[in-house]
Amino acid sequence: MGKDKISEGDVVLITGCIGDHGAAIMASRNNLVDEFNVKSDCAPIYELAECILQYGDKVKIMRDPTRGGVATTLNEFVENTEFSIEIQEEKIPLNIETNNLCEILGIDPLYSANEGKILAIVDSSVAENIVNELRKLELGRDSAIIGRVTKTFHLKFFTYKSWRKKSSFKIDRSSIAKNMLMIHRRCVYAGI
């Protein structure tokens, strides 16, 4: 297993909703926990890994997309190779509360930290089977195929469509404004 095993046409899969951990941390740091029901996805990944690894050499590479999120991990998968990753963002599982919080804070969920998830590139012949097996597990119930490996694009990471989920939500705008001001002050104090 490793990036040297990746081939054009291989499939990208994720074992659940993205960005929950990073969003939960940001909600906590910015006193937005009451406005958003975002929970960290911290969980052991042993069962998920075992499920995927039973497909042997059909699994090209896999990793937990913790630091830098899904986007950074995908870039690392194809770094220094001839390949690119094309994802279909509308297929990426994303909790609506996480999406809403990320939208308010200006954070892209693709770059938000994950815990308890696995991002993998697998042979297309077994991708559906792996996802179906993962969905039988509690931690894998939101598993999905989200993209493919290609040589078509010159960029390493390419998104197919805009995926921001349209939603309506009510929040206390004065609370958000106060917390955004606090975030701004922290950035100014930190020299950012």
N, C-alpha and C. Protein backbone atom coordinates (compact mmCIF):
# COMPACT_ATOMS: atom_id res chain seq x y z
N MET A 1 0.84 -1.17 0.00
CA MET A 1 0.00 0.00 0.00
C MET A 1 0.90 1.24 0.00
N GLY A 2 0.48 2.23 -0.79
CA GLY A 2 1.22 3.48 -0.87
C GLY A 2 0.85 4.22 -2.13
N LYS A 3 1.28 5.48 -2.23
CA LYS A 3 0.89 6.30 -3.37
C LYS A 3 1.39 5.74 -4.69
N ASP A 4 2.45 4.92 -4.67
CA ASP A 4 2.96 4.31 -5.90
C ASP A 4 2.02 3.23 -6.45
N LYS A 5 1.03 2.83 -5.68
CA LYS A 5 0.06 1.81 -6.11
C LYS A 5 -1.16 2.44 -6.80
N ILE A 6 -1.31 3.76 -6.71
CA ILE A 6 -2.47 4.44 -7.27
C ILE A 6 -2.44 4.38 -8.79
N SER A 7 -3.64 4.14 -9.39
CA SER A 7 -3.79 4.09 -10.84
C SER A 7 -4.94 4.98 -11.28
N GLU A 8 -4.89 5.41 -12.53
CA GLU A 8 -5.99 6.19 -13.08
C GLU A 8 -7.26 5.35 -13.03
N GLY A 9 -8.36 5.96 -12.62
CA GLY A 9 -9.64 5.25 -12.52
C GLY A 9 -9.93 4.70 -11.14
N ASP A 10 -8.94 4.69 -10.25
CA ASP A 10 -9.19 4.28 -8.87
C ASP A 10 -10.21 5.23 -8.25
N VAL A 11 -10.84 4.76 -7.18
CA VAL A 11 -11.96 5.48 -6.58
C VAL A 11 -11.58 5.98 -5.19
N VAL A 12 -12.08 7.17 -4.85
CA VAL A 12 -11.85 7.78 -3.54
C VAL A 12 -13.10 7.55 -2.69
N LEU A 13 -12.88 7.06 -1.47
CA LEU A 13 -14.02 6.90 -0.56
C LEU A 13 -13.70 7.47 0.81
N ILE A 14 -14.77 7.86 1.50
CA ILE A 14 -14.67 8.40 2.86
C ILE A 14 -15.62 7.59 3.73
N THR A 15 -15.27 7.37 4.99
CA THR A 15 -16.09 6.51 5.85
C THR A 15 -17.15 7.25 6.64
N GLY A 16 -17.39 8.52 6.34
CA GLY A 16 -18.45 9.24 7.04
C GLY A 16 -18.40 10.72 6.79
N CYS A 17 -19.23 11.44 7.52
CA CYS A 17 -19.35 12.90 7.36
C CYS A 17 -18.04 13.60 7.67
N ILE A 18 -17.75 14.63 6.91
CA ILE A 18 -16.47 15.33 7.05
C ILE A 18 -16.60 16.58 7.91
N GLY A 19 -15.47 17.00 8.48
CA GLY A 19 -15.35 18.30 9.12
C GLY A 19 -15.92 18.46 10.51
N ASP A 20 -16.53 17.42 11.07
CA ASP A 20 -17.20 17.56 12.36
C ASP A 20 -16.26 17.94 13.50
N HIS A 21 -15.10 17.33 13.54
CA HIS A 21 -14.17 17.60 14.65
C HIS A 21 -13.69 19.05 14.62
N GLY A 22 -13.22 19.49 13.47
CA GLY A 22 -12.74 20.87 13.36
C GLY A 22 -13.84 21.88 13.67
N ALA A 23 -15.05 21.60 13.18
CA ALA A 23 -16.18 22.50 13.45
C ALA A 23 -16.53 22.52 14.94
N ALA A 24 -16.49 21.37 15.58
CA ALA A 24 -16.79 21.31 17.02
C ALA A 24 -15.76 22.10 17.83
N ILE A 25 -14.51 22.01 17.45
CA ILE A 25 -13.45 22.76 18.13
C ILE A 25 -13.67 24.26 17.94
N MET A 26 -13.98 24.67 16.71
CA MET A 26 -14.22 26.09 16.43
C MET A 26 -15.45 26.61 17.17
N ALA A 27 -16.50 25.80 17.24
CA ALA A 27 -17.71 26.20 17.97
C ALA A 27 -17.39 26.41 19.45
N SER A 28 -16.61 25.51 20.01
CA SER A 28 -16.23 25.61 21.42
C SER A 28 -15.35 26.83 21.67
N ARG A 29 -14.36 27.03 20.83
CA ARG A 29 -13.43 28.15 21.01
C ARG A 29 -14.11 29.50 20.87
N ASN A 30 -15.19 29.53 20.10
CA ASN A 30 -15.83 30.80 19.80
C ASN A 30 -17.20 30.95 20.45
N ASN A 31 -17.44 30.14 21.49
CA ASN A 31 -18.69 30.21 22.26
C ASN A 31 -19.94 30.11 21.39
N LEU A 32 -19.91 29.19 20.43
CA LEU A 32 -21.05 28.99 19.53
C LEU A 32 -21.71 27.64 19.74
N VAL A 33 -21.38 26.97 20.82
CA VAL A 33 -21.90 25.62 21.07
C VAL A 33 -23.42 25.63 21.21
N ASP A 34 -23.97 26.66 21.85
CA ASP A 34 -25.42 26.72 22.03
C ASP A 34 -26.17 26.97 20.72
N GLU A 35 -25.52 27.66 19.78
CA GLU A 35 -26.17 27.98 18.51
C GLU A 35 -26.11 26.83 17.51
N PHE A 36 -25.09 25.99 17.62
CA PHE A 36 -24.88 24.90 16.66
C PHE A 36 -24.73 23.58 17.39
N ASN A 37 -25.41 22.58 16.92
CA ASN A 37 -25.33 21.25 17.50
C ASN A 37 -24.27 20.42 16.76
N VAL A 38 -23.03 20.85 16.89
CA VAL A 38 -21.92 20.19 16.21
C VAL A 38 -21.17 19.34 17.23
N LYS A 39 -20.97 18.09 16.91
CA LYS A 39 -20.26 17.16 17.79
C LYS A 39 -18.99 16.66 17.11
N SER A 40 -17.93 16.53 17.88
CA SER A 40 -16.71 15.95 17.34
C SER A 40 -16.96 14.51 16.95
N ASP A 41 -16.27 14.08 15.92
CA ASP A 41 -16.41 12.71 15.46
C ASP A 41 -15.28 11.80 15.98
N CYS A 42 -14.68 12.18 17.10
CA CYS A 42 -13.62 11.35 17.69
C CYS A 42 -14.14 9.93 17.91
N ALA A 43 -13.42 8.96 17.37
CA ALA A 43 -13.80 7.56 17.51
C ALA A 43 -12.63 6.70 17.04
N PRO A 44 -12.54 5.48 17.55
CA PRO A 44 -11.49 4.57 17.06
C PRO A 44 -11.80 4.13 15.64
N ILE A 45 -10.77 4.00 14.82
CA ILE A 45 -10.98 3.63 13.42
C ILE A 45 -10.60 2.18 13.11
N TYR A 46 -10.30 1.41 14.15
CA TYR A 46 -9.85 0.04 13.94
C TYR A 46 -10.83 -0.78 13.11
N GLU A 47 -12.12 -0.76 13.48
CA GLU A 47 -13.13 -1.56 12.77
C GLU A 47 -13.26 -1.13 11.32
N LEU A 48 -13.21 0.17 11.09
CA LEU A 48 -13.29 0.69 9.72
C LEU A 48 -12.09 0.24 8.90
N ALA A 49 -10.91 0.36 9.49
CA ALA A 49 -9.67 -0.05 8.80
C ALA A 49 -9.69 -1.54 8.49
N GLU A 50 -10.11 -2.33 9.45
CA GLU A 50 -10.18 -3.78 9.25
C GLU A 50 -11.12 -4.13 8.10
N CYS A 51 -12.23 -3.45 8.02
CA CYS A 51 -13.22 -3.67 6.95
C CYS A 51 -12.61 -3.37 5.58
N ILE A 52 -11.89 -2.26 5.49
CA ILE A 52 -11.28 -1.86 4.22
C ILE A 52 -10.12 -2.78 3.86
N LEU A 53 -9.29 -3.08 4.83
CA LEU A 53 -8.07 -3.86 4.56
C LEU A 53 -8.33 -5.30 4.14
N GLN A 54 -9.53 -5.81 4.37
CA GLN A 54 -9.83 -7.17 3.92
C GLN A 54 -9.80 -7.29 2.39
N TYR A 55 -9.75 -6.16 1.70
CA TYR A 55 -9.70 -6.17 0.23
C TYR A 55 -8.26 -6.15 -0.30
N GLY A 56 -7.30 -6.33 0.60
CA GLY A 56 -5.90 -6.54 0.23
C GLY A 56 -5.31 -5.50 -0.70
N ASP A 57 -4.69 -5.97 -1.78
CA ASP A 57 -3.99 -5.06 -2.68
C ASP A 57 -4.91 -4.21 -3.54
N LYS A 58 -6.21 -4.39 -3.41
CA LYS A 58 -7.18 -3.50 -4.09
C LYS A 58 -7.28 -2.16 -3.36
N VAL A 59 -6.76 -2.12 -2.14
CA VAL A 59 -6.69 -0.88 -1.36
C VAL A 59 -5.34 -0.25 -1.68
N LYS A 60 -5.35 0.90 -2.32
CA LYS A 60 -4.11 1.51 -2.78
C LYS A 60 -3.42 2.33 -1.69
N ILE A 61 -4.22 3.15 -0.99
CA ILE A 61 -3.68 3.99 0.08
C ILE A 61 -4.86 4.41 0.96
N MET A 62 -4.61 4.60 2.25
CA MET A 62 -5.66 5.09 3.14
C MET A 62 -5.03 5.81 4.31
N ARG A 63 -5.79 6.74 4.86
CA ARG A 63 -5.29 7.54 5.98
C ARG A 63 -6.44 8.22 6.68
N ASP A 64 -6.21 8.59 7.92
CA ASP A 64 -7.21 9.42 8.62
C ASP A 64 -6.96 10.87 8.20
N PRO A 65 -8.00 11.57 7.75
CA PRO A 65 -7.83 12.95 7.29
C PRO A 65 -7.95 13.96 8.43
N THR A 66 -7.05 13.85 9.40
CA THR A 66 -7.14 14.70 10.58
C THR A 66 -6.61 16.09 10.28
N ARG A 67 -5.32 16.26 10.26
CA ARG A 67 -4.73 17.58 10.04
C ARG A 67 -4.89 17.98 8.57
N GLY A 68 -5.52 19.11 8.35
CA GLY A 68 -5.71 19.61 6.99
C GLY A 68 -6.96 19.07 6.30
N GLY A 69 -7.64 18.13 6.95
CA GLY A 69 -8.88 17.61 6.41
C GLY A 69 -8.75 16.79 5.15
N VAL A 70 -9.88 16.61 4.49
CA VAL A 70 -9.97 15.78 3.29
C VAL A 70 -9.13 16.36 2.15
N ALA A 71 -9.23 17.66 1.92
CA ALA A 71 -8.52 18.28 0.80
C ALA A 71 -7.01 18.10 0.91
N THR A 72 -6.46 18.37 2.07
CA THR A 72 -5.01 18.24 2.26
C THR A 72 -4.57 16.79 2.10
N THR A 73 -5.33 15.86 2.66
CA THR A 73 -4.99 14.44 2.55
C THR A 73 -5.00 13.99 1.10
N LEU A 74 -6.01 14.41 0.34
CA LEU A 74 -6.06 14.04 -1.08
C LEU A 74 -4.86 14.60 -1.83
N ASN A 75 -4.50 15.84 -1.54
CA ASN A 75 -3.30 16.41 -2.17
C ASN A 75 -2.06 15.61 -1.83
N GLU A 76 -1.94 15.18 -0.59
CA GLU A 76 -0.78 14.38 -0.18
C GLU A 76 -0.77 13.02 -0.87
N PHE A 77 -1.94 12.45 -1.12
CA PHE A 77 -2.02 11.16 -1.81
C PHE A 77 -1.39 11.23 -3.20
N VAL A 78 -1.58 12.33 -3.91
CA VAL A 78 -1.10 12.41 -5.29
C VAL A 78 0.10 13.34 -5.48
N GLU A 79 0.61 13.85 -4.38
CA GLU A 79 1.79 14.70 -4.45
C GLU A 79 2.94 13.94 -5.10
N ASN A 80 3.66 14.59 -6.02
CA ASN A 80 4.79 14.00 -6.75
C ASN A 80 4.40 12.77 -7.57
N THR A 81 3.17 12.74 -8.05
CA THR A 81 2.73 11.69 -8.98
C THR A 81 2.20 12.37 -10.24
N GLU A 82 1.84 11.59 -11.21
CA GLU A 82 1.25 12.13 -12.44
C GLU A 82 -0.26 12.28 -12.33
N PHE A 83 -0.82 11.97 -11.18
CA PHE A 83 -2.28 11.92 -11.02
C PHE A 83 -2.86 13.17 -10.35
N SER A 84 -4.16 13.32 -10.56
CA SER A 84 -4.97 14.33 -9.89
C SER A 84 -6.14 13.60 -9.25
N ILE A 85 -6.81 14.28 -8.35
CA ILE A 85 -8.02 13.74 -7.73
C ILE A 85 -9.19 14.63 -8.15
N GLU A 86 -10.21 14.01 -8.70
CA GLU A 86 -11.44 14.73 -9.03
C GLU A 86 -12.51 14.26 -8.06
N ILE A 87 -13.05 15.18 -7.29
CA ILE A 87 -14.12 14.78 -6.38
C ILE A 87 -15.43 15.42 -6.82
N GLN A 88 -16.50 14.77 -6.46
CA GLN A 88 -17.83 15.31 -6.67
C GLN A 88 -18.33 15.74 -5.30
N GLU A 89 -18.21 17.03 -5.04
CA GLU A 89 -18.48 17.54 -3.70
C GLU A 89 -19.88 17.24 -3.22
N GLU A 90 -20.85 17.19 -4.12
CA GLU A 90 -22.22 16.92 -3.70
C GLU A 90 -22.38 15.49 -3.15
N LYS A 91 -21.41 14.64 -3.37
CA LYS A 91 -21.47 13.27 -2.84
C LYS A 91 -20.78 13.12 -1.49
N ILE A 92 -20.10 14.17 -1.06
CA ILE A 92 -19.38 14.11 0.22
C ILE A 92 -20.38 14.24 1.36
N PRO A 93 -20.41 13.26 2.28
CA PRO A 93 -21.32 13.36 3.42
C PRO A 93 -20.91 14.51 4.34
N LEU A 94 -21.88 15.36 4.66
CA LEU A 94 -21.62 16.54 5.48
C LEU A 94 -22.85 16.83 6.33
N ASN A 95 -22.67 16.86 7.65
CA ASN A 95 -23.78 17.20 8.54
C ASN A 95 -24.19 18.65 8.32
N ILE A 96 -25.47 18.91 8.33
CA ILE A 96 -25.99 20.25 8.06
C ILE A 96 -25.50 21.27 9.10
N GLU A 97 -25.42 20.86 10.37
CA GLU A 97 -24.93 21.78 11.41
C GLU A 97 -23.46 22.14 11.17
N THR A 98 -22.67 21.18 10.74
CA THR A 98 -21.27 21.45 10.43
C THR A 98 -21.19 22.42 9.26
N ASN A 99 -21.99 22.17 8.23
CA ASN A 99 -22.01 23.06 7.07
C ASN A 99 -22.38 24.48 7.49
N ASN A 100 -23.43 24.61 8.30
CA ASN A 100 -23.88 25.94 8.73
C ASN A 100 -22.80 26.69 9.52
N LEU A 101 -22.17 26.00 10.45
CA LEU A 101 -21.13 26.64 11.25
C LEU A 101 -19.95 27.04 10.37
N CYS A 102 -19.53 26.16 9.50
CA CYS A 102 -18.40 26.46 8.61
C CYS A 102 -18.72 27.66 7.72
N GLU A 103 -19.95 27.74 7.26
CA GLU A 103 -20.37 28.86 6.43
C GLU A 103 -20.28 30.18 7.21
N ILE A 104 -20.76 30.18 8.44
CA ILE A 104 -20.72 31.39 9.28
C ILE A 104 -19.27 31.81 9.54
N LEU A 105 -18.39 30.86 9.81
CA LEU A 105 -17.00 31.17 10.16
C LEU A 105 -16.09 31.32 8.94
N GLY A 106 -16.61 31.01 7.75
CA GLY A 106 -15.80 31.12 6.55
C GLY A 106 -14.77 30.01 6.43
N ILE A 107 -15.12 28.84 6.94
CA ILE A 107 -14.22 27.68 6.89
C ILE A 107 -14.73 26.71 5.84
N ASP A 108 -13.84 26.18 5.02
CA ASP A 108 -14.22 25.17 4.05
C ASP A 108 -14.18 23.81 4.76
N PRO A 109 -15.29 23.09 4.82
CA PRO A 109 -15.31 21.79 5.51
C PRO A 109 -14.31 20.78 4.94
N LEU A 110 -13.92 20.98 3.67
CA LEU A 110 -12.92 20.08 3.08
C LEU A 110 -11.57 20.19 3.78
N TYR A 111 -11.32 21.32 4.43
CA TYR A 111 -10.06 21.52 5.14
C TYR A 111 -10.20 21.42 6.65
N SER A 112 -11.39 21.10 7.12
CA SER A 112 -11.66 20.99 8.55
C SER A 112 -11.23 19.61 9.06
N ALA A 113 -10.69 19.57 10.25
CA ALA A 113 -10.17 18.33 10.82
C ALA A 113 -11.26 17.28 11.02
N ASN A 114 -10.85 16.03 10.89
CA ASN A 114 -11.72 14.88 11.11
C ASN A 114 -11.04 13.95 12.11
N GLU A 115 -11.83 13.28 12.90
CA GLU A 115 -11.35 12.23 13.80
C GLU A 115 -12.31 11.06 13.63
N GLY A 116 -11.82 9.87 13.62
CA GLY A 116 -12.72 8.73 13.48
C GLY A 116 -13.19 8.49 12.06
N LYS A 117 -12.46 8.97 11.08
CA LYS A 117 -12.79 8.76 9.67
C LYS A 117 -11.57 8.22 8.94
N ILE A 118 -11.82 7.54 7.83
CA ILE A 118 -10.74 7.08 6.96
C ILE A 118 -11.05 7.55 5.55
N LEU A 119 -10.04 8.08 4.88
CA LEU A 119 -10.11 8.45 3.48
C LEU A 119 -9.24 7.43 2.75
N ALA A 120 -9.76 6.82 1.69
CA ALA A 120 -9.02 5.76 1.00
C ALA A 120 -9.17 5.87 -0.50
N ILE A 121 -8.15 5.41 -1.19
CA ILE A 121 -8.22 5.22 -2.63
C ILE A 121 -8.16 3.72 -2.86
N VAL A 122 -9.16 3.22 -3.59
CA VAL A 122 -9.28 1.77 -3.82
C VAL A 122 -9.54 1.50 -5.29
N ASP A 123 -9.30 0.27 -5.70
CA ASP A 123 -9.60 -0.16 -7.06
C ASP A 123 -11.10 -0.04 -7.31
N SER A 124 -11.46 0.45 -8.47
CA SER A 124 -12.88 0.67 -8.78
C SER A 124 -13.71 -0.62 -8.74
N SER A 125 -13.07 -1.77 -8.95
CA SER A 125 -13.79 -3.04 -8.96
C SER A 125 -14.33 -3.44 -7.60
N VAL A 126 -13.78 -2.87 -6.53
CA VAL A 126 -14.23 -3.24 -5.18
C VAL A 126 -14.84 -2.07 -4.39
N ALA A 127 -14.86 -0.91 -4.97
CA ALA A 127 -15.30 0.29 -4.25
C ALA A 127 -16.71 0.17 -3.69
N GLU A 128 -17.66 -0.23 -4.51
CA GLU A 128 -19.06 -0.37 -4.04
C GLU A 128 -19.17 -1.40 -2.93
N ASN A 129 -18.45 -2.52 -3.07
CA ASN A 129 -18.48 -3.57 -2.03
C ASN A 129 -17.94 -3.04 -0.70
N ILE A 130 -16.86 -2.30 -0.77
CA ILE A 130 -16.27 -1.76 0.46
C ILE A 130 -17.25 -0.81 1.13
N VAL A 131 -17.84 0.10 0.36
CA VAL A 131 -18.79 1.06 0.93
C VAL A 131 -19.98 0.33 1.53
N ASN A 132 -20.49 -0.68 0.86
CA ASN A 132 -21.62 -1.45 1.40
C ASN A 132 -21.26 -2.14 2.71
N GLU A 133 -20.06 -2.68 2.80
CA GLU A 133 -19.59 -3.32 4.04
C GLU A 133 -19.42 -2.28 5.15
N LEU A 134 -18.84 -1.13 4.81
CA LEU A 134 -18.65 -0.07 5.80
C LEU A 134 -19.97 0.42 6.37
N ARG A 135 -20.97 0.51 5.52
CA ARG A 135 -22.28 1.02 5.95
C ARG A 135 -22.98 0.09 6.95
N LYS A 136 -22.52 -1.13 7.07
CA LYS A 136 -23.06 -2.06 8.06
C LYS A 136 -22.53 -1.76 9.46
N LEU A 137 -21.45 -0.98 9.53
CA LEU A 137 -20.84 -0.62 10.80
C LEU A 137 -21.42 0.71 11.29
N GLU A 138 -21.58 0.86 12.58
CA GLU A 138 -22.12 2.09 13.15
C GLU A 138 -21.31 3.32 12.71
N LEU A 139 -19.99 3.23 12.79
CA LEU A 139 -19.14 4.37 12.43
C LEU A 139 -19.00 4.56 10.92
N GLY A 140 -19.46 3.60 10.14
CA GLY A 140 -19.33 3.70 8.69
C GLY A 140 -20.64 3.90 7.96
N ARG A 141 -21.71 4.17 8.69
CA ARG A 141 -23.05 4.23 8.07
C ARG A 141 -23.18 5.33 7.02
N ASP A 142 -22.34 6.37 7.09
CA ASP A 142 -22.40 7.46 6.10
C ASP A 142 -21.28 7.37 5.06
N SER A 143 -20.68 6.20 4.92
CA SER A 143 -19.60 6.03 3.95
C SER A 143 -20.08 6.33 2.54
N ALA A 144 -19.17 6.85 1.72
CA ALA A 144 -19.56 7.21 0.36
C ALA A 144 -18.36 7.22 -0.58
N ILE A 145 -18.64 6.99 -1.83
CA ILE A 145 -17.66 7.19 -2.90
C ILE A 145 -17.75 8.66 -3.27
N ILE A 146 -16.62 9.35 -3.24
CA ILE A 146 -16.66 10.80 -3.44
C ILE A 146 -15.84 11.29 -4.64
N GLY A 147 -15.12 10.39 -5.29
CA GLY A 147 -14.31 10.87 -6.41
C GLY A 147 -13.51 9.77 -7.06
N ARG A 148 -12.57 10.22 -7.91
CA ARG A 148 -11.74 9.26 -8.65
C ARG A 148 -10.38 9.86 -8.95
N VAL A 149 -9.47 8.98 -9.29
CA VAL A 149 -8.13 9.38 -9.68
C VAL A 149 -8.13 9.59 -11.19
N THR A 150 -7.50 10.66 -11.63
CA THR A 150 -7.48 11.00 -13.05
C THR A 150 -6.13 11.59 -13.44
N LYS A 151 -5.87 11.62 -14.73
CA LYS A 151 -4.71 12.33 -15.27
C LYS A 151 -5.16 13.56 -16.05
N THR A 152 -6.45 13.79 -16.08
CA THR A 152 -7.04 14.83 -16.92
C THR A 152 -6.67 16.25 -16.51
N PHE A 153 -6.58 16.52 -15.23
CA PHE A 153 -6.41 17.89 -14.75
C PHE A 153 -4.98 18.16 -14.35
N HIS A 154 -4.57 19.40 -14.52
CA HIS A 154 -3.21 19.77 -14.15
C HIS A 154 -3.08 20.11 -12.67
N LEU A 155 -4.21 20.46 -12.06
CA LEU A 155 -4.20 20.71 -10.63
C LEU A 155 -4.20 19.37 -9.91
N LYS A 156 -3.65 19.32 -8.73
CA LYS A 156 -3.64 18.06 -8.00
C LYS A 156 -5.00 17.70 -7.43
N PHE A 157 -5.74 18.72 -7.02
CA PHE A 157 -7.03 18.48 -6.38
C PHE A 157 -8.05 19.32 -7.09
N PHE A 158 -9.05 18.69 -7.65
CA PHE A 158 -10.04 19.39 -8.46
C PHE A 158 -11.43 19.06 -7.97
N THR A 159 -12.24 20.09 -7.73
CA THR A 159 -13.61 19.84 -7.30
C THR A 159 -14.53 19.97 -8.49
N TYR A 160 -15.44 19.04 -8.59
CA TYR A 160 -16.31 18.95 -9.75
C TYR A 160 -17.42 19.98 -9.74
N LYS A 161 -18.05 20.19 -8.63
CA LYS A 161 -19.17 21.13 -8.53
C LYS A 161 -19.17 21.79 -7.16
N SER A 162 -19.79 22.92 -7.10
CA SER A 162 -19.97 23.56 -5.80
C SER A 162 -20.96 22.73 -5.00
N TRP A 163 -20.70 22.56 -3.74
CA TRP A 163 -21.49 21.61 -2.96
C TRP A 163 -22.11 22.20 -1.72
N ARG A 164 -21.96 23.48 -1.50
CA ARG A 164 -22.56 24.07 -0.31
C ARG A 164 -24.02 23.69 -0.25
N LYS A 165 -24.40 23.03 0.79
CA LYS A 165 -25.78 22.60 0.94
C LYS A 165 -26.64 23.80 1.32
N LYS A 166 -27.70 23.99 0.59
CA LYS A 166 -28.62 25.08 0.89
C LYS A 166 -29.41 24.70 2.13
N SER A 167 -29.48 25.61 3.06
CA SER A 167 -30.20 25.30 4.29
C SER A 167 -30.71 26.58 4.91
N SER A 168 -31.68 26.41 5.75
CA SER A 168 -32.14 27.57 6.51
C SER A 168 -31.97 27.21 7.98
N PHE A 169 -31.49 28.16 8.74
CA PHE A 169 -31.30 27.92 10.16
C PHE A 169 -31.47 29.23 10.90
N LYS A 170 -31.92 29.13 12.13
CA LYS A 170 -32.10 30.32 12.96
C LYS A 170 -31.02 30.36 14.02
N ILE A 171 -30.41 31.50 14.13
CA ILE A 171 -29.43 31.69 15.19
C ILE A 171 -29.62 33.09 15.76
N ASP A 172 -29.11 33.28 16.91
CA ASP A 172 -29.14 34.59 17.55
C ASP A 172 -28.02 35.42 16.93
N ARG A 173 -28.37 36.30 16.01
CA ARG A 173 -27.39 37.08 15.26
C ARG A 173 -26.53 37.96 16.17
N SER A 174 -27.09 38.46 17.26
CA SER A 174 -26.29 39.30 18.15
C SER A 174 -25.19 38.48 18.81
N SER A 175 -25.50 37.22 19.12
CA SER A 175 -24.50 36.33 19.71
C SER A 175 -23.38 36.06 18.70
N ILE A 176 -23.76 35.81 17.45
CA ILE A 176 -22.77 35.56 16.41
C ILE A 176 -21.90 36.80 16.21
N ALA A 177 -22.53 37.97 16.12
CA ALA A 177 -21.78 39.21 15.92
C ALA A 177 -20.78 39.42 17.05
N LYS A 178 -21.21 39.19 18.29
CA LYS A 178 -20.33 39.37 19.45
C LYS A 178 -19.15 38.39 19.35
N ASN A 179 -19.43 37.14 18.99
CA ASN A 179 -18.37 36.14 18.89
C ASN A 179 -17.45 36.41 17.71
N MET A 180 -17.98 36.91 16.60
CA MET A 180 -17.13 37.24 15.46
C MET A 180 -16.20 38.39 15.82
N LEU A 181 -16.70 39.35 16.60
CA LEU A 181 -15.86 40.45 17.06
C LEU A 181 -14.73 39.90 17.93
N MET A 182 -15.04 38.92 18.79
CA MET A 182 -14.01 38.30 19.63
C MET A 182 -12.97 37.59 18.76
N ILE A 183 -13.42 36.91 17.71
CA ILE A 183 -12.49 36.23 16.81
C ILE A 183 -11.58 37.26 16.14
N HIS A 184 -12.18 38.35 15.67
CA HIS A 184 -11.41 39.42 15.03
C HIS A 184 -10.35 39.97 15.98
N ARG A 185 -10.76 40.24 17.23
CA ARG A 185 -9.82 40.77 18.21
C ARG A 185 -8.66 39.80 18.45
N ARG A 186 -8.98 38.49 18.54
CA ARG A 186 -7.91 37.50 18.74
C ARG A 186 -6.94 37.53 17.59
N CYS A 187 -7.45 37.65 16.36
CA CYS A 187 -6.58 37.68 15.19
C CYS A 187 -5.70 38.93 15.20
N VAL A 188 -6.28 40.06 15.57
CA VAL A 188 -5.52 41.31 15.63
C VAL A 188 -4.42 41.19 16.69
N TYR A 189 -4.80 40.67 17.88
CA TYR A 189 -3.82 40.51 18.96
C TYR A 189 -2.70 39.54 18.55
N ALA A 190 -3.07 38.53 17.77
CA ALA A 190 -2.07 37.55 17.35
C ALA A 190 -1.25 38.04 16.17
N GLY A 191 -1.64 39.21 15.62
CA GLY A 191 -0.90 39.76 14.50
C GLY A 191 -1.23 39.10 13.18
N ILE A 192 -2.41 38.50 13.11
CA ILE A 192 -2.82 37.81 11.87
C ILE A 192 -3.53 38.78 10.95
